[in-house]
N, C-alpha and C. Protein backbone atom coordinates (compact mmCIF):
# COMPACT_ATOMS: atom_id res chain seq x y z
N MET A 1 -14.01 24.96 -49.12
CA MET A 1 -14.04 25.46 -47.77
C MET A 1 -15.15 24.77 -46.96
N ARG A 2 -16.32 24.62 -47.59
CA ARG A 2 -17.43 23.98 -46.92
C ARG A 2 -17.10 22.52 -46.60
N ARG A 3 -16.40 21.88 -47.52
CA ARG A 3 -16.01 20.49 -47.32
C ARG A 3 -15.02 20.37 -46.15
N LEU A 4 -14.09 21.32 -46.06
CA LEU A 4 -13.11 21.33 -44.98
C LEU A 4 -13.80 21.52 -43.64
N LEU A 5 -14.77 22.43 -43.56
CA LEU A 5 -15.52 22.64 -42.32
C LEU A 5 -16.32 21.40 -41.94
N SER A 6 -16.90 20.74 -42.92
CA SER A 6 -17.65 19.51 -42.66
C SER A 6 -16.74 18.43 -42.10
N THR A 7 -15.54 18.33 -42.64
CA THR A 7 -14.57 17.34 -42.17
C THR A 7 -14.20 17.61 -40.72
N PHE A 8 -13.92 18.88 -40.40
CA PHE A 8 -13.57 19.23 -39.02
C PHE A 8 -14.75 18.97 -38.07
N ALA A 9 -15.96 19.23 -38.49
CA ALA A 9 -17.13 18.98 -37.67
C ALA A 9 -17.28 17.48 -37.40
N LEU A 10 -17.05 16.66 -38.43
CA LEU A 10 -17.14 15.21 -38.29
C LEU A 10 -16.06 14.69 -37.33
N ILE A 11 -14.85 15.21 -37.45
CA ILE A 11 -13.75 14.81 -36.56
C ILE A 11 -14.09 15.18 -35.12
N GLY A 12 -14.63 16.37 -34.90
CA GLY A 12 -15.01 16.80 -33.56
C GLY A 12 -16.11 15.93 -32.97
N LEU A 13 -17.09 15.58 -33.81
CA LEU A 13 -18.17 14.72 -33.35
C LEU A 13 -17.66 13.34 -32.98
N LEU A 14 -16.79 12.76 -33.78
CA LEU A 14 -16.23 11.44 -33.50
C LEU A 14 -15.34 11.46 -32.26
N ALA A 15 -14.60 12.54 -32.08
CA ALA A 15 -13.73 12.64 -30.91
C ALA A 15 -14.54 12.68 -29.63
N GLY A 16 -15.70 13.32 -29.66
CA GLY A 16 -16.55 13.41 -28.49
C GLY A 16 -17.23 12.10 -28.14
N CYS A 17 -17.43 11.22 -29.13
CA CYS A 17 -18.11 9.94 -28.89
C CYS A 17 -17.24 8.94 -28.14
N GLY A 18 -15.95 9.00 -28.31
CA GLY A 18 -15.06 8.00 -27.72
C GLY A 18 -14.41 8.45 -26.43
N THR A 19 -15.13 9.15 -25.59
CA THR A 19 -14.50 9.61 -24.35
C THR A 19 -14.28 8.44 -23.40
N THR A 20 -13.19 8.50 -22.70
CA THR A 20 -12.86 7.46 -21.73
C THR A 20 -13.14 7.99 -20.33
N PRO A 21 -13.49 7.10 -19.41
CA PRO A 21 -13.74 7.57 -18.04
C PRO A 21 -12.45 8.11 -17.42
N PRO A 22 -12.59 9.04 -16.49
CA PRO A 22 -11.38 9.59 -15.87
C PRO A 22 -10.67 8.53 -15.03
N VAL A 23 -9.37 8.67 -14.90
CA VAL A 23 -8.58 7.78 -14.05
C VAL A 23 -8.62 8.33 -12.63
N LEU A 24 -9.03 7.50 -11.68
CA LEU A 24 -9.07 7.89 -10.28
C LEU A 24 -7.91 7.21 -9.55
N ASN A 25 -7.18 7.98 -8.75
CA ASN A 25 -6.02 7.46 -8.03
C ASN A 25 -6.35 7.38 -6.54
N TYR A 26 -5.88 6.29 -5.90
CA TYR A 26 -6.19 6.03 -4.50
C TYR A 26 -4.91 5.83 -3.71
N THR A 27 -4.98 6.21 -2.43
CA THR A 27 -3.93 5.88 -1.47
C THR A 27 -4.49 4.79 -0.56
N LEU A 28 -3.76 4.42 0.45
CA LEU A 28 -4.24 3.43 1.40
C LEU A 28 -5.21 4.05 2.41
N GLY A 29 -5.65 5.26 2.16
CA GLY A 29 -6.63 5.91 3.03
C GLY A 29 -5.98 6.65 4.17
N PRO A 30 -6.81 7.23 5.04
CA PRO A 30 -6.27 8.00 6.16
C PRO A 30 -5.57 7.08 7.16
N LEU A 31 -4.60 7.64 7.85
CA LEU A 31 -3.90 6.87 8.90
C LEU A 31 -4.86 6.57 10.03
N SER A 32 -4.61 5.47 10.72
CA SER A 32 -5.46 5.10 11.85
C SER A 32 -5.39 6.18 12.92
N ALA A 33 -6.43 6.25 13.71
CA ALA A 33 -6.53 7.30 14.72
C ALA A 33 -6.04 6.84 16.08
N GLY A 34 -5.18 5.85 16.10
CA GLY A 34 -4.65 5.33 17.36
C GLY A 34 -3.79 6.35 18.08
N PRO A 35 -3.62 6.17 19.38
CA PRO A 35 -2.80 7.10 20.16
C PRO A 35 -1.31 6.94 19.83
N ALA A 36 -0.60 8.03 19.97
CA ALA A 36 0.85 7.98 19.79
C ALA A 36 1.47 7.24 20.97
N SER A 37 2.66 6.76 20.78
CA SER A 37 3.35 6.00 21.82
C SER A 37 3.65 6.88 23.02
N SER A 38 3.47 6.30 24.21
CA SER A 38 3.83 7.01 25.44
C SER A 38 5.20 6.55 25.93
N LEU A 39 5.84 5.66 25.13
CA LEU A 39 7.16 5.18 25.50
C LEU A 39 8.21 6.26 25.25
N PRO A 40 9.29 6.26 26.05
CA PRO A 40 10.33 7.26 25.81
C PRO A 40 10.99 7.01 24.45
N THR A 41 11.32 8.09 23.77
CA THR A 41 11.95 8.00 22.46
C THR A 41 13.39 7.53 22.62
N LEU A 42 13.79 6.59 21.78
CA LEU A 42 15.18 6.13 21.78
C LEU A 42 16.00 7.09 20.94
N THR A 43 16.71 7.96 21.57
CA THR A 43 17.48 8.97 20.88
C THR A 43 18.53 8.32 20.00
N GLY A 44 18.50 8.65 18.74
CA GLY A 44 19.48 8.14 17.81
C GLY A 44 19.13 6.78 17.23
N ALA A 45 18.22 6.01 17.85
CA ALA A 45 17.85 4.70 17.31
C ALA A 45 17.08 4.89 16.02
N SER A 46 17.42 4.11 15.01
CA SER A 46 16.78 4.27 13.71
C SER A 46 16.31 2.92 13.17
N LEU A 47 15.27 2.98 12.37
CA LEU A 47 14.65 1.80 11.79
C LEU A 47 14.27 2.10 10.35
N VAL A 48 14.71 1.25 9.43
CA VAL A 48 14.32 1.39 8.03
C VAL A 48 13.35 0.27 7.69
N VAL A 49 12.16 0.62 7.26
CA VAL A 49 11.13 -0.34 6.88
C VAL A 49 11.28 -0.65 5.39
N GLY A 50 11.61 -1.91 5.10
CA GLY A 50 11.73 -2.33 3.71
C GLY A 50 13.08 -2.93 3.44
N PRO A 51 13.28 -3.41 2.25
CA PRO A 51 12.35 -3.30 1.13
C PRO A 51 11.12 -4.16 1.35
N VAL A 52 10.04 -3.78 0.66
CA VAL A 52 8.79 -4.53 0.69
C VAL A 52 8.64 -5.21 -0.66
N GLY A 53 8.42 -6.51 -0.64
CA GLY A 53 8.16 -7.27 -1.86
C GLY A 53 6.68 -7.60 -1.94
N VAL A 54 6.10 -7.47 -3.13
CA VAL A 54 4.69 -7.82 -3.34
C VAL A 54 4.58 -8.78 -4.51
N PRO A 55 3.53 -9.61 -4.55
CA PRO A 55 3.36 -10.53 -5.68
C PRO A 55 3.25 -9.78 -7.01
N ALA A 56 3.78 -10.38 -8.06
CA ALA A 56 3.79 -9.75 -9.38
C ALA A 56 2.39 -9.36 -9.86
N ALA A 57 1.38 -10.13 -9.50
CA ALA A 57 0.01 -9.86 -9.97
C ALA A 57 -0.51 -8.51 -9.48
N ILE A 58 -0.01 -8.02 -8.34
CA ILE A 58 -0.47 -6.73 -7.83
C ILE A 58 0.62 -5.67 -7.85
N ASP A 59 1.79 -6.00 -8.36
CA ASP A 59 2.91 -5.05 -8.43
C ASP A 59 2.71 -4.13 -9.63
N ARG A 60 1.68 -3.32 -9.55
CA ARG A 60 1.29 -2.41 -10.64
C ARG A 60 0.49 -1.27 -10.04
N LEU A 61 0.31 -0.22 -10.81
CA LEU A 61 -0.50 0.89 -10.33
C LEU A 61 -1.99 0.59 -10.46
N HIS A 62 -2.37 -0.25 -11.40
CA HIS A 62 -3.78 -0.61 -11.59
C HIS A 62 -4.27 -1.42 -10.39
N MET A 63 -5.46 -1.09 -9.91
CA MET A 63 -6.04 -1.86 -8.81
C MET A 63 -6.57 -3.17 -9.36
N VAL A 64 -6.44 -4.23 -8.57
CA VAL A 64 -6.81 -5.58 -9.01
C VAL A 64 -7.80 -6.18 -8.01
N ARG A 65 -8.87 -6.77 -8.56
CA ARG A 65 -9.84 -7.53 -7.75
C ARG A 65 -9.92 -8.94 -8.32
N LEU A 66 -9.97 -9.92 -7.44
CA LEU A 66 -10.19 -11.28 -7.89
C LEU A 66 -11.68 -11.47 -8.13
N LEU A 67 -12.03 -12.06 -9.28
CA LEU A 67 -13.43 -12.30 -9.60
C LEU A 67 -13.84 -13.71 -9.22
N ASP A 68 -12.93 -14.65 -9.35
CA ASP A 68 -13.14 -16.03 -8.93
C ASP A 68 -11.76 -16.69 -8.83
N ASP A 69 -11.71 -18.00 -8.81
CA ASP A 69 -10.43 -18.69 -8.61
C ASP A 69 -9.42 -18.47 -9.73
N SER A 70 -9.88 -18.11 -10.92
CA SER A 70 -8.93 -18.00 -12.03
C SER A 70 -9.04 -16.70 -12.82
N ARG A 71 -9.92 -15.78 -12.42
CA ARG A 71 -10.06 -14.53 -13.15
C ARG A 71 -9.85 -13.33 -12.23
N ALA A 72 -9.23 -12.29 -12.80
CA ALA A 72 -9.00 -11.06 -12.06
C ALA A 72 -9.45 -9.87 -12.89
N ASP A 73 -9.91 -8.83 -12.21
CA ASP A 73 -10.30 -7.58 -12.86
C ASP A 73 -9.18 -6.58 -12.60
N VAL A 74 -8.45 -6.22 -13.64
CA VAL A 74 -7.40 -5.21 -13.54
C VAL A 74 -8.01 -3.91 -14.07
N SER A 75 -8.27 -2.99 -13.19
CA SER A 75 -8.99 -1.77 -13.55
C SER A 75 -8.11 -0.77 -14.29
N ASP A 76 -8.62 -0.25 -15.40
CA ASP A 76 -7.91 0.80 -16.12
C ASP A 76 -8.16 2.17 -15.51
N SER A 77 -9.31 2.35 -14.87
CA SER A 77 -9.66 3.68 -14.39
C SER A 77 -9.53 3.85 -12.87
N HIS A 78 -9.13 2.81 -12.16
CA HIS A 78 -8.92 2.90 -10.71
C HIS A 78 -7.50 2.41 -10.43
N ARG A 79 -6.67 3.33 -9.96
CA ARG A 79 -5.24 3.02 -9.78
C ARG A 79 -4.73 3.49 -8.44
N TRP A 80 -3.64 2.86 -8.01
CA TRP A 80 -2.94 3.32 -6.82
C TRP A 80 -2.17 4.59 -7.17
N ALA A 81 -2.09 5.52 -6.24
CA ALA A 81 -1.37 6.77 -6.47
C ALA A 81 0.14 6.55 -6.52
N ALA A 82 0.60 5.48 -5.89
CA ALA A 82 2.03 5.11 -5.88
C ALA A 82 2.09 3.59 -5.83
N PRO A 83 3.23 2.99 -6.18
CA PRO A 83 3.33 1.53 -6.10
C PRO A 83 3.02 1.03 -4.68
N LEU A 84 2.31 -0.09 -4.60
CA LEU A 84 1.91 -0.63 -3.30
C LEU A 84 3.11 -0.87 -2.39
N LYS A 85 4.21 -1.39 -2.93
CA LYS A 85 5.35 -1.67 -2.05
C LYS A 85 5.90 -0.39 -1.43
N THR A 86 5.82 0.71 -2.14
CA THR A 86 6.25 2.01 -1.60
C THR A 86 5.27 2.49 -0.54
N GLU A 87 3.98 2.39 -0.82
CA GLU A 87 2.96 2.84 0.12
C GLU A 87 2.95 2.00 1.39
N ILE A 88 3.15 0.70 1.26
CA ILE A 88 3.18 -0.17 2.45
C ILE A 88 4.36 0.21 3.35
N ALA A 89 5.54 0.38 2.77
CA ALA A 89 6.72 0.76 3.56
C ALA A 89 6.52 2.10 4.24
N ARG A 90 5.99 3.07 3.52
CA ARG A 90 5.77 4.40 4.09
C ARG A 90 4.77 4.35 5.24
N ARG A 91 3.68 3.66 5.02
CA ARG A 91 2.62 3.62 6.05
C ARG A 91 3.09 2.87 7.29
N VAL A 92 3.78 1.74 7.12
CA VAL A 92 4.29 1.01 8.28
C VAL A 92 5.30 1.87 9.03
N ALA A 93 6.17 2.57 8.31
CA ALA A 93 7.16 3.44 8.97
C ALA A 93 6.48 4.54 9.79
N VAL A 94 5.47 5.16 9.23
CA VAL A 94 4.74 6.22 9.95
C VAL A 94 4.08 5.65 11.20
N GLU A 95 3.43 4.50 11.06
CA GLU A 95 2.77 3.88 12.21
C GLU A 95 3.77 3.47 13.29
N LEU A 96 4.92 2.91 12.88
CA LEU A 96 5.93 2.52 13.87
C LEU A 96 6.52 3.73 14.58
N ALA A 97 6.71 4.82 13.85
CA ALA A 97 7.22 6.05 14.48
C ALA A 97 6.21 6.58 15.51
N ARG A 98 4.93 6.39 15.25
CA ARG A 98 3.88 6.85 16.18
C ARG A 98 3.71 5.92 17.37
N ARG A 99 3.88 4.62 17.18
CA ARG A 99 3.51 3.63 18.18
C ARG A 99 4.67 3.06 18.98
N THR A 100 5.90 3.36 18.58
CA THR A 100 7.07 2.77 19.24
C THR A 100 8.06 3.87 19.60
N PRO A 101 9.10 3.52 20.33
CA PRO A 101 10.13 4.52 20.64
C PRO A 101 11.02 4.85 19.43
N TYR A 102 10.82 4.17 18.32
CA TYR A 102 11.65 4.42 17.13
C TYR A 102 11.09 5.58 16.33
N SER A 103 11.33 6.78 16.82
CA SER A 103 10.80 7.97 16.14
C SER A 103 11.51 8.21 14.81
N ARG A 104 12.68 7.58 14.63
CA ARG A 104 13.41 7.72 13.37
C ARG A 104 13.14 6.52 12.47
N ALA A 105 11.88 6.13 12.35
CA ALA A 105 11.49 5.06 11.43
C ALA A 105 11.19 5.70 10.07
N VAL A 106 11.82 5.18 9.03
CA VAL A 106 11.62 5.72 7.68
C VAL A 106 11.40 4.55 6.71
N ALA A 107 10.82 4.88 5.57
CA ALA A 107 10.56 3.86 4.54
C ALA A 107 11.75 3.72 3.62
N TRP A 108 11.99 2.50 3.18
CA TRP A 108 13.05 2.19 2.24
C TRP A 108 12.55 2.48 0.84
N PRO A 109 13.26 2.95 -0.11
CA PRO A 109 14.64 3.41 0.04
C PRO A 109 14.64 4.82 0.62
N GLN A 110 15.56 5.08 1.44
CA GLN A 110 15.64 6.37 2.10
C GLN A 110 17.07 6.89 2.03
N ALA A 111 17.21 8.16 2.24
CA ALA A 111 18.54 8.76 2.18
C ALA A 111 18.93 9.41 3.50
N SER A 112 17.99 9.47 4.45
CA SER A 112 18.28 10.22 5.68
C SER A 112 19.05 9.41 6.72
N ILE A 113 19.06 8.08 6.59
CA ILE A 113 19.75 7.25 7.57
C ILE A 113 20.77 6.38 6.84
N ALA A 114 22.04 6.67 7.04
CA ALA A 114 23.09 5.95 6.32
C ALA A 114 23.23 4.51 6.81
N GLU A 115 23.27 4.32 8.12
CA GLU A 115 23.41 2.98 8.70
C GLU A 115 22.37 2.82 9.81
N PRO A 116 21.20 2.28 9.47
CA PRO A 116 20.15 2.15 10.48
C PRO A 116 20.50 1.12 11.55
N ASP A 117 19.98 1.34 12.75
CA ASP A 117 20.17 0.36 13.83
C ASP A 117 19.44 -0.94 13.50
N LEU A 118 18.24 -0.81 12.94
CA LEU A 118 17.43 -1.97 12.58
C LEU A 118 16.87 -1.81 11.17
N SER A 119 16.67 -2.94 10.50
CA SER A 119 15.97 -2.92 9.22
C SER A 119 14.82 -3.91 9.30
N LEU A 120 13.80 -3.65 8.52
CA LEU A 120 12.58 -4.44 8.59
C LEU A 120 12.07 -4.77 7.19
N PRO A 121 12.67 -5.76 6.52
CA PRO A 121 12.13 -6.17 5.22
C PRO A 121 10.79 -6.88 5.42
N ILE A 122 9.88 -6.65 4.49
CA ILE A 122 8.55 -7.26 4.53
C ILE A 122 8.31 -7.95 3.20
N ASP A 123 7.93 -9.22 3.26
CA ASP A 123 7.61 -9.98 2.06
C ASP A 123 6.11 -10.26 2.07
N VAL A 124 5.37 -9.52 1.24
CA VAL A 124 3.93 -9.71 1.14
C VAL A 124 3.67 -10.95 0.29
N GLN A 125 3.06 -11.95 0.87
CA GLN A 125 2.75 -13.18 0.17
C GLN A 125 1.44 -13.07 -0.60
N ARG A 126 0.50 -12.32 -0.01
CA ARG A 126 -0.83 -12.20 -0.59
C ARG A 126 -1.43 -10.88 -0.12
N PHE A 127 -2.04 -10.15 -1.05
CA PHE A 127 -2.77 -8.92 -0.74
C PHE A 127 -3.93 -8.88 -1.72
N ASP A 128 -4.87 -9.81 -1.53
CA ASP A 128 -5.93 -10.05 -2.50
C ASP A 128 -7.22 -9.36 -2.11
N ALA A 129 -7.85 -8.77 -3.12
CA ALA A 129 -9.19 -8.22 -2.97
C ALA A 129 -10.15 -9.22 -3.61
N ASP A 130 -11.02 -9.81 -2.79
CA ASP A 130 -12.02 -10.75 -3.29
C ASP A 130 -13.26 -9.96 -3.68
N GLY A 131 -13.33 -9.61 -4.98
CA GLY A 131 -14.43 -8.79 -5.46
C GLY A 131 -14.49 -7.49 -4.68
N PHE A 132 -15.72 -7.13 -4.28
CA PHE A 132 -15.91 -5.98 -3.40
C PHE A 132 -16.36 -6.45 -2.02
N GLU A 133 -15.87 -7.64 -1.61
CA GLU A 133 -16.29 -8.20 -0.33
C GLU A 133 -15.25 -8.07 0.77
N ARG A 134 -14.02 -8.49 0.49
CA ARG A 134 -12.99 -8.51 1.53
C ARG A 134 -11.60 -8.43 0.90
N VAL A 135 -10.64 -8.03 1.72
CA VAL A 135 -9.23 -7.99 1.32
C VAL A 135 -8.47 -8.84 2.33
N THR A 136 -7.52 -9.64 1.83
CA THR A 136 -6.71 -10.49 2.69
C THR A 136 -5.24 -10.11 2.52
N LEU A 137 -4.55 -9.95 3.64
CA LEU A 137 -3.11 -9.66 3.64
C LEU A 137 -2.39 -10.78 4.38
N GLU A 138 -1.42 -11.38 3.72
CA GLU A 138 -0.52 -12.33 4.36
C GLU A 138 0.90 -11.86 4.06
N ALA A 139 1.69 -11.75 5.11
CA ALA A 139 3.05 -11.24 4.94
C ALA A 139 3.98 -11.88 5.95
N VAL A 140 5.25 -11.90 5.60
CA VAL A 140 6.30 -12.33 6.52
C VAL A 140 7.22 -11.13 6.70
N TRP A 141 7.48 -10.76 7.94
CA TRP A 141 8.40 -9.66 8.21
C TRP A 141 9.53 -10.16 9.10
N THR A 142 10.68 -9.54 8.90
CA THR A 142 11.88 -9.93 9.65
C THR A 142 12.55 -8.67 10.18
N LEU A 143 12.84 -8.66 11.46
CA LEU A 143 13.58 -7.56 12.06
C LEU A 143 15.05 -7.94 12.07
N ARG A 144 15.89 -7.08 11.50
CA ARG A 144 17.32 -7.35 11.42
C ARG A 144 18.13 -6.25 12.12
N LYS A 145 19.18 -6.71 12.81
CA LYS A 145 20.12 -5.78 13.43
C LYS A 145 21.50 -6.17 12.95
N ALA A 146 22.21 -5.24 12.36
CA ALA A 146 23.56 -5.48 11.82
C ALA A 146 23.56 -6.67 10.86
N GLY A 147 22.52 -6.78 10.06
CA GLY A 147 22.45 -7.84 9.06
C GLY A 147 22.03 -9.21 9.57
N LYS A 148 21.78 -9.32 10.88
CA LYS A 148 21.40 -10.61 11.47
C LYS A 148 19.93 -10.56 11.90
N ASP A 149 19.22 -11.65 11.63
CA ASP A 149 17.81 -11.71 12.01
C ASP A 149 17.66 -11.71 13.53
N VAL A 150 16.81 -10.81 14.02
CA VAL A 150 16.50 -10.72 15.45
C VAL A 150 15.21 -11.49 15.72
N THR A 151 14.21 -11.25 14.91
CA THR A 151 12.93 -11.94 15.03
C THR A 151 12.24 -11.92 13.68
N SER A 152 11.35 -12.87 13.49
CA SER A 152 10.60 -12.96 12.25
C SER A 152 9.22 -13.51 12.57
N ARG A 153 8.22 -13.01 11.86
CA ARG A 153 6.84 -13.45 12.10
C ARG A 153 6.06 -13.50 10.81
N ARG A 154 5.04 -14.33 10.84
CA ARG A 154 4.07 -14.38 9.75
C ARG A 154 2.83 -13.65 10.23
N PHE A 155 2.27 -12.81 9.36
CA PHE A 155 1.06 -12.04 9.66
C PHE A 155 -0.01 -12.42 8.66
N ALA A 156 -1.24 -12.61 9.12
CA ALA A 156 -2.37 -12.88 8.23
C ALA A 156 -3.62 -12.27 8.83
N ALA A 157 -4.38 -11.56 8.00
CA ALA A 157 -5.64 -10.96 8.44
C ALA A 157 -6.52 -10.68 7.23
N THR A 158 -7.81 -10.59 7.49
CA THR A 158 -8.79 -10.27 6.46
C THR A 158 -9.64 -9.11 6.93
N GLU A 159 -9.97 -8.23 6.02
CA GLU A 159 -10.77 -7.04 6.33
C GLU A 159 -11.97 -7.00 5.38
N GLN A 160 -13.16 -6.86 5.93
CA GLN A 160 -14.38 -6.74 5.11
C GLN A 160 -14.49 -5.32 4.58
N LEU A 161 -15.03 -5.17 3.38
CA LEU A 161 -15.25 -3.85 2.82
C LEU A 161 -16.51 -3.23 3.40
N ALA A 162 -16.47 -1.94 3.66
CA ALA A 162 -17.62 -1.23 4.21
C ALA A 162 -18.70 -1.01 3.15
N ALA A 163 -18.30 -0.97 1.88
CA ALA A 163 -19.23 -0.74 0.77
C ALA A 163 -18.63 -1.35 -0.49
N PRO A 164 -19.44 -1.65 -1.49
CA PRO A 164 -18.90 -2.25 -2.72
C PRO A 164 -18.36 -1.19 -3.68
N THR A 165 -17.31 -0.46 -3.23
CA THR A 165 -16.73 0.61 -4.04
C THR A 165 -15.21 0.48 -4.07
N TRP A 166 -14.60 1.14 -5.04
CA TRP A 166 -13.14 1.14 -5.14
C TRP A 166 -12.53 1.89 -3.95
N GLU A 167 -13.19 2.95 -3.50
CA GLU A 167 -12.67 3.70 -2.35
C GLU A 167 -12.67 2.83 -1.09
N ALA A 168 -13.74 2.07 -0.89
CA ALA A 168 -13.79 1.16 0.26
C ALA A 168 -12.74 0.07 0.14
N LEU A 169 -12.46 -0.36 -1.08
CA LEU A 169 -11.42 -1.35 -1.31
C LEU A 169 -10.06 -0.81 -0.89
N ALA A 170 -9.76 0.42 -1.29
CA ALA A 170 -8.48 1.05 -0.92
C ALA A 170 -8.38 1.23 0.59
N THR A 171 -9.46 1.64 1.22
CA THR A 171 -9.46 1.85 2.67
C THR A 171 -9.25 0.53 3.42
N ALA A 172 -9.85 -0.55 2.93
CA ALA A 172 -9.65 -1.86 3.56
C ALA A 172 -8.20 -2.30 3.45
N HIS A 173 -7.56 -2.03 2.31
CA HIS A 173 -6.13 -2.30 2.17
C HIS A 173 -5.35 -1.54 3.24
N GLY A 174 -5.68 -0.27 3.43
CA GLY A 174 -4.98 0.55 4.42
C GLY A 174 -5.16 0.04 5.84
N ARG A 175 -6.38 -0.40 6.19
CA ARG A 175 -6.61 -0.93 7.54
C ARG A 175 -5.79 -2.19 7.79
N LEU A 176 -5.61 -3.00 6.75
CA LEU A 176 -4.79 -4.20 6.91
C LEU A 176 -3.31 -3.85 7.10
N VAL A 177 -2.83 -2.85 6.39
CA VAL A 177 -1.43 -2.43 6.58
C VAL A 177 -1.26 -1.86 7.99
N ASP A 178 -2.27 -1.15 8.49
CA ASP A 178 -2.21 -0.66 9.87
C ASP A 178 -2.15 -1.83 10.86
N ALA A 179 -2.92 -2.88 10.60
CA ALA A 179 -2.90 -4.07 11.47
C ALA A 179 -1.53 -4.73 11.43
N LEU A 180 -0.92 -4.78 10.26
CA LEU A 180 0.45 -5.30 10.13
C LEU A 180 1.41 -4.47 10.97
N ALA A 181 1.29 -3.16 10.89
CA ALA A 181 2.17 -2.26 11.66
C ALA A 181 1.99 -2.48 13.15
N ARG A 182 0.75 -2.69 13.61
CA ARG A 182 0.51 -2.95 15.05
C ARG A 182 1.15 -4.27 15.47
N ASP A 183 1.08 -5.27 14.59
CA ASP A 183 1.69 -6.56 14.88
C ASP A 183 3.21 -6.40 15.03
N ILE A 184 3.80 -5.65 14.14
CA ILE A 184 5.26 -5.41 14.19
C ILE A 184 5.61 -4.60 15.44
N ALA A 185 4.83 -3.56 15.72
CA ALA A 185 5.11 -2.71 16.87
C ALA A 185 5.10 -3.52 18.17
N GLY A 186 4.20 -4.48 18.27
CA GLY A 186 4.13 -5.30 19.48
C GLY A 186 5.32 -6.22 19.67
N ALA A 187 6.08 -6.46 18.60
CA ALA A 187 7.22 -7.38 18.69
C ALA A 187 8.57 -6.67 18.71
N LEU A 188 8.59 -5.37 18.50
CA LEU A 188 9.87 -4.65 18.48
C LEU A 188 10.47 -4.59 19.87
N PRO A 189 11.80 -4.70 19.95
CA PRO A 189 12.45 -4.61 21.28
C PRO A 189 12.38 -3.20 21.83
């Protein structure tokens, strides 16, 4: 009996030594505080944002920082709360609904709009975090109506981090997606 208790005590002690840090999940941060659109709402007009494509290196829940030209830090304990391509589509749709007459803007894949008036696929070419210094977003977006391209643009911007933290990194990603949404909003018919 004493030996059995000693074994359990040893197992408990060993289990306590190998604790792993908690996993922290991040979103793209709070939505921008910009004013809502004063344009009249286009009744019935609908817009589906997506699909959004992202590079394979960041198409994961783990947050990734570039350390130099050939090394990346893929964090085990800092993760996105949802896939980036899903979060980008959702955030752009929310911003477009706020900033344009397209109040029926939704993220792809969606079930509420069977045949949207417009679709907006976004191809993210680069969404790199350079250490804890800056984040760069490069994307190509295309506005389509009835399957035909209406307009297409390339977007590129860099955002400095406010602090050398994972939370600041996530917030900088969000500010860049907001800038992308503003760029798209300015070009919508």
